[in-house]
Amino acid sequence: MPHQGLLDPTAVREIAARLGLRPTKQRGQNFVHDANTVRRIVATAQVGPDDAVLEIGPGLGSLTLGLLDVAGSVTAVEIDELLADELPATVAARLPGRASALSVVTADALRVTELPVPPTVVVANLPYNVSVPVLLHLLATFGSWQRGLVMVQAEVADRLAAGPGSKVYGVPSVKMAWYAETSRVGTVAPSVFWPVPNVDSGLVAIRRRPLPETTATREQVFAVVDAAFGQRRKMLRSALAGLAGSSAGASEVLVAAGVDPQLRGEMLTVGDFARIAEQLARRTPAAPLEPTL
């Protein structure tokens, strides 16, 4: 087959038909078929020849081809064995000169702990149902990547990039802020996908930053975040009563951390949560605090 470049709607459907593929909502399979959207994502991610890209959920290879055209290498992690096995053939047919720059890892992105090449950047169209857990896992597991650009459901994009005081600021916002700065950098219409989803997608830029300076562990801080937003409408002194032993105990912890006990979690920065976790650890050093990633 001659070099054909990026996938278009006809090519996407042809590959899917040949594989007998029926996209599933369970795995968030909505495949990009618009070359201009792919070019836009690659350009916005500022991928260059010195980059080792990590792509999660490459699917039929639309974004993979665009990345390989400019990146030094691409490692694609795909949970679907059928798609993982087909991806090298698609690249070999459409971008033969770059086929050797592709590595495919057949695995669940939530469980992958080793990659053939340490990534410098993450660029991906993330499955809607696992986008936040996947991002947190990648940030925690692979420290080599310093920036990223991900396409997620628009509502999720808003939450990832939200700051304190926003109506959509919550657990994903704070846990992402532990690792990185995030910002909304674009919207993608449903029409560029097959099958067509029912929602818009958003582009989120990620830039890693130093972890907060704190004696508390990530697990301790995340446990406080989970508790604070688990009862979002309650004041912190009530929401954290379970961790502190009582509402009065929570108030003491919050005052010691320099936080008003009458505030709600949506007003706090990641640094505020870290100070609260420090104070809790000093009060109950033997009590384990387990987060939900």
C-alpha atoms as a PDB file:
ATOM      1  CA  MET A   1       0.000   0.000   0.000  1.00  0.00           C
ATOM      2  CA  PRO A   2       1.434   3.431  -0.862  1.00  0.00           C
ATOM      3  CA  HIS A   3       2.128   6.156   1.664  1.00  0.00           C
ATOM      4  CA  GLN A   4      -1.258   7.741   2.372  1.00  0.00           C
ATOM      5  CA  GLY A   5      -0.580   9.955   5.392  1.00  0.00           C
ATOM      6  CA  LEU A   6      -3.222  10.785   8.000  1.00  0.00           C
ATOM      7  CA  LEU A   7      -6.486   8.910   8.309  1.00  0.00           C
ATOM      8  CA  ASP A   8      -9.721  10.332   6.925  1.00  0.00           C
ATOM      9  CA  PRO A   9     -13.311   9.183   7.620  1.00  0.00           C
ATOM     10  CA  THR A  10     -13.235   6.628   4.806  1.00  0.00           C
ATOM     11  CA  ALA A  11      -9.964   5.103   6.001  1.00  0.00           C
ATOM     12  CA  VAL A  12     -11.164   4.926   9.608  1.00  0.00           C
ATOM     13  CA  ARG A  13     -14.310   3.062   8.600  1.00  0.00           C
ATOM     14  CA  GLU A  14     -12.420   0.764   6.245  1.00  0.00           C
ATOM     15  CA  ILE A  15      -9.951  -0.293   8.939  1.00  0.00           C
ATOM     16  CA  ALA A  16     -12.739  -0.770  11.479  1.00  0.00           C
ATOM     17  CA  ALA A  17     -14.779  -2.856   9.012  1.00  0.00           C
ATOM     18  CA  ARG A  18     -11.809  -5.043   8.112  1.00  0.00           C
ATOM     19  CA  LEU A  19     -11.140  -5.686  11.802  1.00  0.00           C
ATOM     20  CA  GLY A  20     -14.808  -6.277  12.557  1.00  0.00           C
ATOM     21  CA  LEU A  21     -14.515  -3.552  15.169  1.00  0.00           C
ATOM     22  CA  ARG A  22     -17.550  -2.304  17.003  1.00  0.00           C
ATOM     23  CA  PRO A  23     -16.524   0.688  19.151  1.00  0.00           C
ATOM     24  CA  THR A  24     -17.571   0.295  22.784  1.00  0.00           C
ATOM     25  CA  LYS A  25     -18.605   2.955  25.278  1.00  0.00           C
ATOM     26  CA  GLN A  26     -16.983   0.858  28.005  1.00  0.00           C
ATOM     27  CA  ARG A  27     -13.549   1.640  26.577  1.00  0.00           C
ATOM     28  CA  GLY A  28     -14.456   5.130  25.442  1.00  0.00           C
ATOM     29  CA  GLN A  29     -13.763   4.318  21.813  1.00  0.00           C
ATOM     30  CA  ASN A  30     -14.423   7.433  19.755  1.00  0.00           C
ATOM     31  CA  PHE A  31     -11.861   7.708  16.964  1.00  0.00           C
ATOM     32  CA  VAL A  32     -10.689  11.008  15.479  1.00  0.00           C
ATOM     33  CA  HIS A  33     -11.016  11.031  11.693  1.00  0.00           C
ATOM     34  CA  ASP A  34     -10.282  14.668  10.915  1.00  0.00           C
ATOM     35  CA  ALA A  35      -6.725  15.392   9.767  1.00  0.00           C
ATOM     36  CA  ASN A  36      -6.946  19.090  10.611  1.00  0.00           C
ATOM     37  CA  THR A  37      -7.870  18.262  14.202  1.00  0.00           C
ATOM     38  CA  VAL A  38      -4.900  15.926  14.457  1.00  0.00           C
ATOM     39  CA  ARG A  39      -2.562  18.603  13.081  1.00  0.00           C
ATOM     40  CA  ARG A  40      -4.006  21.123  15.517  1.00  0.00           C
ATOM     41  CA  ILE A  41      -3.407  18.836  18.504  1.00  0.00           C
ATOM     42  CA  VAL A  42       0.157  18.056  17.466  1.00  0.00           C
ATOM     43  CA  ALA A  43       0.939  21.735  16.856  1.00  0.00           C
ATOM     44  CA  THR A  44      -0.617  22.843  20.150  1.00  0.00           C
ATOM     45  CA  ALA A  45       1.396  20.190  22.005  1.00  0.00           C
ATOM     46  CA  GLN A  46       4.561  21.648  20.431  1.00  0.00           C
ATOM     47  CA  VAL A  47       5.963  18.193  19.759  1.00  0.00           C
ATOM     48  CA  GLY A  48       9.385  18.144  18.137  1.00  0.00           C
ATOM     49  CA  PRO A  49      12.121  15.733  17.032  1.00  0.00           C
ATOM     50  CA  ASP A  50      13.673  15.629  20.510  1.00  0.00           C
ATOM     51  CA  ASP A  51      10.452  14.400  22.099  1.00  0.00           C
ATOM     52  CA  ALA A  52       9.596  10.874  23.168  1.00  0.00           C
ATOM     53  CA  VAL A  53       5.799  10.933  23.132  1.00  0.00           C
ATOM     54  CA  LEU A  54       3.582   8.737  25.258  1.00  0.00           C
ATOM     55  CA  GLU A  55       0.146   8.246  23.699  1.00  0.00           C
ATOM     56  CA  ILE A  56      -2.640   6.532  25.608  1.00  0.00           C
ATOM     57  CA  GLY A  57      -5.396   4.773  23.670  1.00  0.00           C
ATOM     58  CA  PRO A  58      -4.167   5.258  20.095  1.00  0.00           C
ATOM     59  CA  GLY A  59      -7.161   3.402  18.696  1.00  0.00           C
ATOM     60  CA  LEU A  60      -6.932   3.181  14.913  1.00  0.00           C
ATOM     61  CA  GLY A  61      -3.872   5.441  14.785  1.00  0.00           C
ATOM     62  CA  SER A  62      -5.180   8.830  13.700  1.00  0.00           C
ATOM     63  CA  LEU A  63      -3.217  10.829  16.265  1.00  0.00           C
ATOM     64  CA  THR A  64      -0.328   8.352  16.263  1.00  0.00           C
ATOM     65  CA  LEU A  65       0.420   9.128  12.615  1.00  0.00           C
ATOM     66  CA  GLY A  66       0.369  12.859  13.257  1.00  0.00           C
ATOM     67  CA  LEU A  67       2.733  12.501  16.205  1.00  0.00           C
ATOM     68  CA  LEU A  68       5.157  10.222  14.388  1.00  0.00           C
ATOM     69  CA  ASP A  69       5.444  12.771  11.620  1.00  0.00           C
ATOM     70  CA  VAL A  70       7.216  15.211  13.970  1.00  0.00           C
ATOM     71  CA  ALA A  71       8.302  13.395  17.148  1.00  0.00           C
ATOM     72  CA  GLY A  72      11.493  11.516  17.832  1.00  0.00           C
ATOM     73  CA  SER A  73       9.507   8.478  18.944  1.00  0.00           C
ATOM     74  CA  VAL A  74       6.027   7.460  20.029  1.00  0.00           C
ATOM     75  CA  THR A  75       5.095   4.841  22.606  1.00  0.00           C
ATOM     76  CA  ALA A  76       1.428   3.918  22.290  1.00  0.00           C
ATOM     77  CA  VAL A  77      -0.326   2.129  25.159  1.00  0.00           C
ATOM     78  CA  GLU A  78      -3.453   0.316  23.969  1.00  0.00           C
ATOM     79  CA  ILE A  79      -5.645  -1.994  26.052  1.00  0.00           C
ATOM     80  CA  ASP A  80      -7.480  -3.495  23.060  1.00  0.00           C
ATOM     81  CA  GLU A  81      -5.337  -6.310  21.634  1.00  0.00           C
ATOM     82  CA  LEU A  82      -7.026  -6.115  18.242  1.00  0.00           C
ATOM     83  CA  LEU A  83      -6.157  -2.417  17.881  1.00  0.00           C
ATOM     84  CA  ALA A  84      -2.679  -2.823  19.362  1.00  0.00           C
ATOM     85  CA  ASP A  85      -1.835  -5.546  16.860  1.00  0.00           C
ATOM     86  CA  GLU A  86      -3.112  -3.507  13.903  1.00  0.00           C
ATOM     87  CA  LEU A  87      -1.407  -0.193  14.726  1.00  0.00           C
ATOM     88  CA  PRO A  88       2.120  -1.080  13.475  1.00  0.00           C
ATOM     89  CA  ALA A  89       0.673  -2.207  10.133  1.00  0.00           C
ATOM     90  CA  THR A  90      -1.257   1.040   9.745  1.00  0.00           C
ATOM     91  CA  VAL A  91       1.869   3.084  10.431  1.00  0.00           C
ATOM     92  CA  ALA A  92       3.980   0.937   8.108  1.00  0.00           C
ATOM     93  CA  ALA A  93       1.458   1.448   5.300  1.00  0.00           C
ATOM     94  CA  ARG A  94       0.881   5.168   5.751  1.00  0.00           C
ATOM     95  CA  LEU A  95       4.148   6.454   7.185  1.00  0.00           C
ATOM     96  CA  PRO A  96       6.714   3.763   6.326  1.00  0.00           C
ATOM     97  CA  GLY A  97       9.748   5.918   6.999  1.00  0.00           C
ATOM     98  CA  ARG A  98       8.716   6.325  10.635  1.00  0.00           C
ATOM     99  CA  ALA A  99       7.523   2.822  11.456  1.00  0.00           C
ATOM    100  CA  SER A 100      10.642   2.035  13.493  1.00  0.00           C
ATOM    101  CA  ALA A 101       9.953   5.035  15.768  1.00  0.00           C
ATOM    102  CA  LEU A 102       6.754   3.432  17.080  1.00  0.00           C
ATOM    103  CA  SER A 103       6.536   1.160  20.115  1.00  0.00           C
ATOM    104  CA  VAL A 104       3.214  -0.412  21.048  1.00  0.00           C
ATOM    105  CA  VAL A 105       2.524  -1.572  24.594  1.00  0.00           C
ATOM    106  CA  THR A 106      -0.577  -3.739  24.963  1.00  0.00           C
ATOM    107  CA  ALA A 107      -1.724  -2.903  28.464  1.00  0.00           C
ATOM    108  CA  ASP A 108      -4.212  -1.104  30.654  1.00  0.00           C
ATOM    109  CA  ALA A 109      -2.913   2.449  31.044  1.00  0.00           C
ATOM    110  CA  LEU A 110      -4.055   2.415  34.678  1.00  0.00           C
ATOM    111  CA  ARG A 111      -1.657  -0.433  35.419  1.00  0.00           C
ATOM    112  CA  VAL A 112       1.339   0.170  33.168  1.00  0.00           C
ATOM    113  CA  THR A 113       4.535   0.769  35.149  1.00  0.00           C
ATOM    114  CA  GLU A 114       7.257   0.263  32.542  1.00  0.00           C
ATOM    115  CA  LEU A 115       7.778   1.762  29.099  1.00  0.00           C
ATOM    116  CA  PRO A 116      10.431   1.066  26.445  1.00  0.00           C
ATOM    117  CA  VAL A 117      11.365   4.765  26.272  1.00  0.00           C
ATOM    118  CA  PRO A 118      11.071   7.331  29.101  1.00  0.00           C
ATOM    119  CA  PRO A 119       8.494   9.835  27.808  1.00  0.00           C
ATOM    120  CA  THR A 120       9.139  13.566  27.662  1.00  0.00           C
ATOM    121  CA  VAL A 121       5.573  14.507  26.740  1.00  0.00           C
ATOM    122  CA  VAL A 122       2.104  12.939  26.909  1.00  0.00           C
ATOM    123  CA  VAL A 123      -0.315  13.581  24.041  1.00  0.00           C
ATOM    124  CA  ALA A 124      -3.535  11.603  23.966  1.00  0.00           C
ATOM    125  CA  ASN A 125      -7.224  11.396  23.233  1.00  0.00           C
ATOM    126  CA  LEU A 126      -8.153   9.911  26.596  1.00  0.00           C
ATOM    127  CA  PRO A 127     -11.170   7.659  27.113  1.00  0.00           C
ATOM    128  CA  TYR A 128     -13.791   9.746  28.886  1.00  0.00           C
ATOM    129  CA  ASN A 129     -14.553   7.271  31.654  1.00  0.00           C
ATOM    130  CA  VAL A 130     -10.961   6.889  32.924  1.00  0.00           C
ATOM    131  CA  SER A 131      -9.274  10.121  31.880  1.00  0.00           C
ATOM    132  CA  VAL A 132      -8.627  11.535  35.354  1.00  0.00           C
ATOM    133  CA  PRO A 133      -7.343   8.285  36.956  1.00  0.00           C
ATOM    134  CA  VAL A 134      -5.094   7.686  33.939  1.00  0.00           C
ATOM    135  CA  LEU A 135      -3.568  11.165  34.143  1.00  0.00           C
ATOM    136  CA  LEU A 136      -2.919  10.875  37.872  1.00  0.00           C
ATOM    137  CA  HIS A 137      -1.357   7.441  37.383  1.00  0.00           C
ATOM    138  CA  LEU A 138       0.931   8.698  34.612  1.00  0.00           C
ATOM    139  CA  LEU A 139       2.008  11.710  36.670  1.00  0.00           C
ATOM    140  CA  ALA A 140       2.748   9.555  39.706  1.00  0.00           C
ATOM    141  CA  THR A 141       4.495   6.741  37.817  1.00  0.00           C
ATOM    142  CA  PHE A 142       6.560   8.391  35.081  1.00  0.00           C
ATOM    143  CA  GLY A 143       8.481  11.416  36.299  1.00  0.00           C
ATOM    144  CA  SER A 144      10.313  11.967  33.027  1.00  0.00           C
ATOM    145  CA  TRP A 145       7.497  13.765  31.222  1.00  0.00           C
ATOM    146  CA  GLN A 146       7.276  17.475  31.887  1.00  0.00           C
ATOM    147  CA  ARG A 147       4.365  18.563  29.735  1.00  0.00           C
ATOM    148  CA  GLY A 148       1.319  17.174  28.009  1.00  0.00           C
ATOM    149  CA  LEU A 149      -1.765  17.878  25.947  1.00  0.00           C
ATOM    150  CA  VAL A 150      -4.821  15.702  26.362  1.00  0.00           C
ATOM    151  CA  MET A 151      -8.229  15.666  24.772  1.00  0.00           C
ATOM    152  CA  VAL A 152     -10.979  14.775  27.234  1.00  0.00           C
ATOM    153  CA  GLN A 153     -14.698  15.331  27.647  1.00  0.00           C
ATOM    154  CA  ALA A 154     -15.337  19.090  27.889  1.00  0.00           C
ATOM    155  CA  GLU A 155     -16.800  18.790  31.382  1.00  0.00           C
ATOM    156  CA  VAL A 156     -13.714  16.908  32.554  1.00  0.00           C
ATOM    157  CA  ALA A 157     -11.448  19.472  30.892  1.00  0.00           C
ATOM    158  CA  ASP A 158     -13.172  22.237  32.837  1.00  0.00           C
ATOM    159  CA  ARG A 159     -12.682  20.372  36.104  1.00  0.00           C
ATOM    160  CA  LEU A 160      -9.030  19.602  35.451  1.00  0.00           C
ATOM    161  CA  ALA A 161      -8.252  23.252  34.757  1.00  0.00           C
ATOM    162  CA  ALA A 162     -10.505  24.825  37.420  1.00  0.00           C
ATOM    163  CA  GLY A 163      -9.123  26.961  40.227  1.00  0.00           C
ATOM    164  CA  PRO A 164     -10.345  27.559  43.798  1.00  0.00           C
ATOM    165  CA  GLY A 165     -13.721  29.274  43.938  1.00  0.00           C
ATOM    166  CA  SER A 166     -14.935  27.834  40.643  1.00  0.00           C
ATOM    167  CA  LYS A 167     -18.209  25.903  40.654  1.00  0.00           C
ATOM    168  CA  VAL A 168     -16.485  22.956  38.958  1.00  0.00           C
ATOM    169  CA  TYR A 169     -13.370  22.995  41.177  1.00  0.00           C
ATOM    170  CA  GLY A 170     -13.120  19.645  42.915  1.00  0.00           C
ATOM    171  CA  VAL A 171     -11.121  16.485  43.504  1.00  0.00           C
ATOM    172  CA  PRO A 172      -9.645  16.255  39.957  1.00  0.00           C
ATOM    173  CA  SER A 173      -8.647  19.939  40.072  1.00  0.00           C
ATOM    174  CA  VAL A 174      -6.762  19.634  43.366  1.00  0.00           C
ATOM    175  CA  LYS A 175      -5.080  16.316  42.635  1.00  0.00           C
ATOM    176  CA  MET A 176      -3.860  17.556  39.259  1.00  0.00           C
ATOM    177  CA  ALA A 177      -2.585  20.720  40.976  1.00  0.00           C
ATOM    178  CA  TRP A 178      -0.440  18.522  43.233  1.00  0.00           C
ATOM    179  CA  TYR A 179       1.630  17.637  40.166  1.00  0.00           C
ATOM    180  CA  ALA A 180       1.114  20.254  37.506  1.00  0.00           C
ATOM    181  CA  GLU A 181      -0.371  23.452  36.154  1.00  0.00           C
ATOM    182  CA  THR A 182      -3.305  22.841  33.833  1.00  0.00           C
ATOM    183  CA  SER A 183      -5.180  25.076  31.406  1.00  0.00           C
ATOM    184  CA  ARG A 184      -7.957  24.792  28.832  1.00  0.00           C
ATOM    185  CA  VAL A 185      -6.493  25.503  25.402  1.00  0.00           C
ATOM    186  CA  GLY A 186      -9.294  24.573  23.032  1.00  0.00           C
ATOM    187  CA  THR A 187     -12.550  22.813  22.234  1.00  0.00           C
ATOM    188  CA  VAL A 188     -13.108  19.964  19.776  1.00  0.00           C
ATOM    189  CA  ALA A 189     -16.506  19.360  18.157  1.00  0.00           C
ATOM    190  CA  PRO A 190     -18.158  15.908  18.218  1.00  0.00           C
ATOM    191  CA  SER A 191     -18.252  15.815  14.411  1.00  0.00           C
ATOM    192  CA  VAL A 192     -14.532  14.952  14.122  1.00  0.00           C
ATOM    193  CA  PHE A 193     -15.080  11.584  15.837  1.00  0.00           C
ATOM    194  CA  TRP A 194     -16.473   8.223  14.801  1.00  0.00           C
ATOM    195  CA  PRO A 195     -18.765   7.242  16.383  1.00  0.00           C
ATOM    196  CA  VAL A 196     -19.982  10.778  17.106  1.00  0.00           C
ATOM    197  CA  PRO A 197     -20.090  11.367  20.897  1.00  0.00           C
ATOM    198  CA  ASN A 198     -22.884  13.273  22.574  1.00  0.00           C
ATOM    199  CA  VAL A 199     -20.572  15.896  24.073  1.00  0.00           C
ATOM    200  CA  ASP A 200     -17.871  18.347  23.081  1.00  0.00           C
ATOM    201  CA  SER A 201     -14.263  17.587  23.936  1.00  0.00           C
ATOM    202  CA  GLY A 202     -11.739  19.937  25.469  1.00  0.00           C
ATOM    203  CA  LEU A 203      -7.979  20.255  25.092  1.00  0.00           C
ATOM    204  CA  VAL A 204      -6.051  20.545  28.346  1.00  0.00           C
ATOM    205  CA  ALA A 205      -2.405  21.588  28.496  1.00  0.00           C
ATOM    206  CA  ILE A 206      -0.364  20.165  31.371  1.00  0.00           C
ATOM    207  CA  ARG A 207       2.967  21.462  32.630  1.00  0.00           C
ATOM    208  CA  ARG A 208       4.600  19.660  35.518  1.00  0.00           C
ATOM    209  CA  ARG A 209       5.842  21.725  38.436  1.00  0.00           C
ATOM    210  CA  PRO A 210       7.647  20.912  41.701  1.00  0.00           C
ATOM    211  CA  LEU A 211       5.499  19.120  44.257  1.00  0.00           C
ATOM    212  CA  PRO A 212       4.184  21.258  47.122  1.00  0.00           C
ATOM    213  CA  GLU A 213       6.665  21.725  49.959  1.00  0.00           C
ATOM    214  CA  THR A 214       5.118  19.751  52.788  1.00  0.00           C
ATOM    215  CA  THR A 215       5.932  17.080  55.339  1.00  0.00           C
ATOM    216  CA  ALA A 216       2.642  15.357  54.510  1.00  0.00           C
ATOM    217  CA  THR A 217       2.625  12.518  52.001  1.00  0.00           C
ATOM    218  CA  ARG A 218       0.617  12.575  48.807  1.00  0.00           C
ATOM    219  CA  GLU A 219      -1.631   9.891  50.300  1.00  0.00           C
ATOM    220  CA  GLN A 220      -2.329  12.015  53.362  1.00  0.00           C
ATOM    221  CA  VAL A 221      -3.084  15.121  51.321  1.00  0.00           C
ATOM    222  CA  PHE A 222      -5.325  13.263  48.882  1.00  0.00           C
ATOM    223  CA  ALA A 223      -7.259  11.711  51.781  1.00  0.00           C
ATOM    224  CA  VAL A 224      -8.071  15.209  53.043  1.00  0.00           C
ATOM    225  CA  VAL A 225      -9.125  16.264  49.537  1.00  0.00           C
ATOM    226  CA  ASP A 226     -11.433  13.253  49.220  1.00  0.00           C
ATOM    227  CA  ALA A 227     -13.033  13.988  52.598  1.00  0.00           C
ATOM    228  CA  ALA A 228     -13.481  17.699  51.900  1.00  0.00           C
ATOM    229  CA  PHE A 229     -15.291  17.120  48.610  1.00  0.00           C
ATOM    230  CA  GLY A 230     -17.081  13.963  49.684  1.00  0.00           C
ATOM    231  CA  GLN A 231     -19.507  16.266  51.475  1.00  0.00           C
ATOM    232  CA  ARG A 232     -19.121  19.266  49.250  1.00  0.00           C
ATOM    233  CA  ARG A 233     -21.948  21.329  50.745  1.00  0.00           C
ATOM    234  CA  LYS A 234     -20.643  21.015  54.288  1.00  0.00           C
ATOM    235  CA  MET A 235     -18.197  23.320  55.990  1.00  0.00           C
ATOM    236  CA  LEU A 236     -14.727  21.878  56.389  1.00  0.00           C
ATOM    237  CA  ARG A 237     -15.113  21.423  60.146  1.00  0.00           C
ATOM    238  CA  SER A 238     -17.953  18.985  59.421  1.00  0.00           C
ATOM    239  CA  ALA A 239     -16.537  17.396  56.270  1.00  0.00           C
ATOM    240  CA  LEU A 240     -13.250  16.563  58.017  1.00  0.00           C
ATOM    241  CA  ALA A 241     -14.794  15.419  61.298  1.00  0.00           C
ATOM    242  CA  GLY A 242     -14.267  11.787  60.360  1.00  0.00           C
ATOM    243  CA  LEU A 243     -10.541  12.263  59.847  1.00  0.00           C
ATOM    244  CA  ALA A 244     -10.067  14.413  62.957  1.00  0.00           C
ATOM    245  CA  GLY A 245     -12.326  12.401  65.268  1.00  0.00           C
ATOM    246  CA  SER A 246     -14.918  15.117  65.740  1.00  0.00           C
ATOM    247  CA  SER A 247     -16.081  18.446  64.413  1.00  0.00           C
ATOM    248  CA  ALA A 248     -14.277  20.184  67.271  1.00  0.00           C
ATOM    249  CA  GLY A 249     -11.109  18.305  66.471  1.00  0.00           C
ATOM    250  CA  ALA A 250     -11.407  19.269  62.827  1.00  0.00           C
ATOM    251  CA  SER A 251     -11.809  22.914  63.802  1.00  0.00           C
ATOM    252  CA  GLU A 252      -8.622  22.736  65.863  1.00  0.00           C
ATOM    253  CA  VAL A 253      -6.735  21.173  62.953  1.00  0.00           C
ATOM    254  CA  LEU A 254      -8.009  23.775  60.505  1.00  0.00           C
ATOM    255  CA  VAL A 255      -7.141  26.720  62.747  1.00  0.00           C
ATOM    256  CA  ALA A 256      -3.648  25.297  63.290  1.00  0.00           C
ATOM    257  CA  ALA A 257      -3.305  25.020  59.508  1.00  0.00           C
ATOM    258  CA  GLY A 258      -4.392  28.627  59.020  1.00  0.00           C
ATOM    259  CA  VAL A 259      -7.703  27.707  57.396  1.00  0.00           C
ATOM    260  CA  ASP A 260     -11.125  29.040  58.376  1.00  0.00           C
ATOM    261  CA  PRO A 261     -13.177  26.042  59.648  1.00  0.00           C
ATOM    262  CA  GLN A 262     -16.316  27.536  58.096  1.00  0.00           C
ATOM    263  CA  LEU A 263     -14.943  27.457  54.560  1.00  0.00           C
ATOM    264  CA  ARG A 264     -15.819  24.727  52.080  1.00  0.00           C
ATOM    265  CA  GLY A 265     -13.293  22.639  50.210  1.00  0.00           C
ATOM    266  CA  GLU A 266     -13.931  24.456  46.942  1.00  0.00           C
ATOM    267  CA  MET A 267     -12.158  27.552  48.309  1.00  0.00           C
ATOM    268  CA  LEU A 268      -8.857  25.842  49.201  1.00  0.00           C
ATOM    269  CA  THR A 269      -5.636  25.527  47.225  1.00  0.00           C
ATOM    270  CA  VAL A 270      -3.564  22.373  47.122  1.00  0.00           C
ATOM    271  CA  GLY A 271      -1.189  24.087  49.560  1.00  0.00           C
ATOM    272  CA  ASP A 272      -4.049  24.588  52.022  1.00  0.00           C
ATOM    273  CA  PHE A 273      -4.909  20.896  51.834  1.00  0.00           C
ATOM    274  CA  ALA A 274      -1.265  20.001  52.420  1.00  0.00           C
ATOM    275  CA  ARG A 275      -1.123  22.111  55.604  1.00  0.00           C
ATOM    276  CA  ILE A 276      -4.306  20.477  56.877  1.00  0.00           C
ATOM    277  CA  ALA A 277      -2.829  17.030  56.216  1.00  0.00           C
ATOM    278  CA  GLU A 278       0.310  18.006  58.143  1.00  0.00           C
ATOM    279  CA  GLN A 279      -1.737  19.017  61.164  1.00  0.00           C
ATOM    280  CA  LEU A 280      -3.825  15.843  61.005  1.00  0.00           C
ATOM    281  CA  ALA A 281      -0.690  13.715  60.860  1.00  0.00           C
ATOM    282  CA  ARG A 282       0.660  15.457  63.959  1.00  0.00           C
ATOM    283  CA  ARG A 283      -2.546  14.765  65.870  1.00  0.00           C
ATOM    284  CA  THR A 284      -2.936  11.140  64.804  1.00  0.00           C
ATOM    285  CA  PRO A 285       0.474   9.930  63.537  1.00  0.00           C
ATOM    286  CA  ALA A 286      -0.564   6.287  63.613  1.00  0.00           C
ATOM    287  CA  ALA A 287      -3.778   6.717  61.657  1.00  0.00           C
ATOM    288  CA  PRO A 288      -3.409   5.705  57.987  1.00  0.00           C
ATOM    289  CA  LEU A 289      -4.902   8.089  55.451  1.00  0.00           C
ATOM    290  CA  GLU A 290      -5.729   6.392  52.179  1.00  0.00           C
ATOM    291  CA  PRO A 291      -6.565   8.393  49.049  1.00  0.00           C
ATOM    292  CA  THR A 292      -8.753   7.588  46.094  1.00  0.00           C
ATOM    293  CA  LEU A 293      -6.745   8.277  42.949  1.00  0.00           C
END
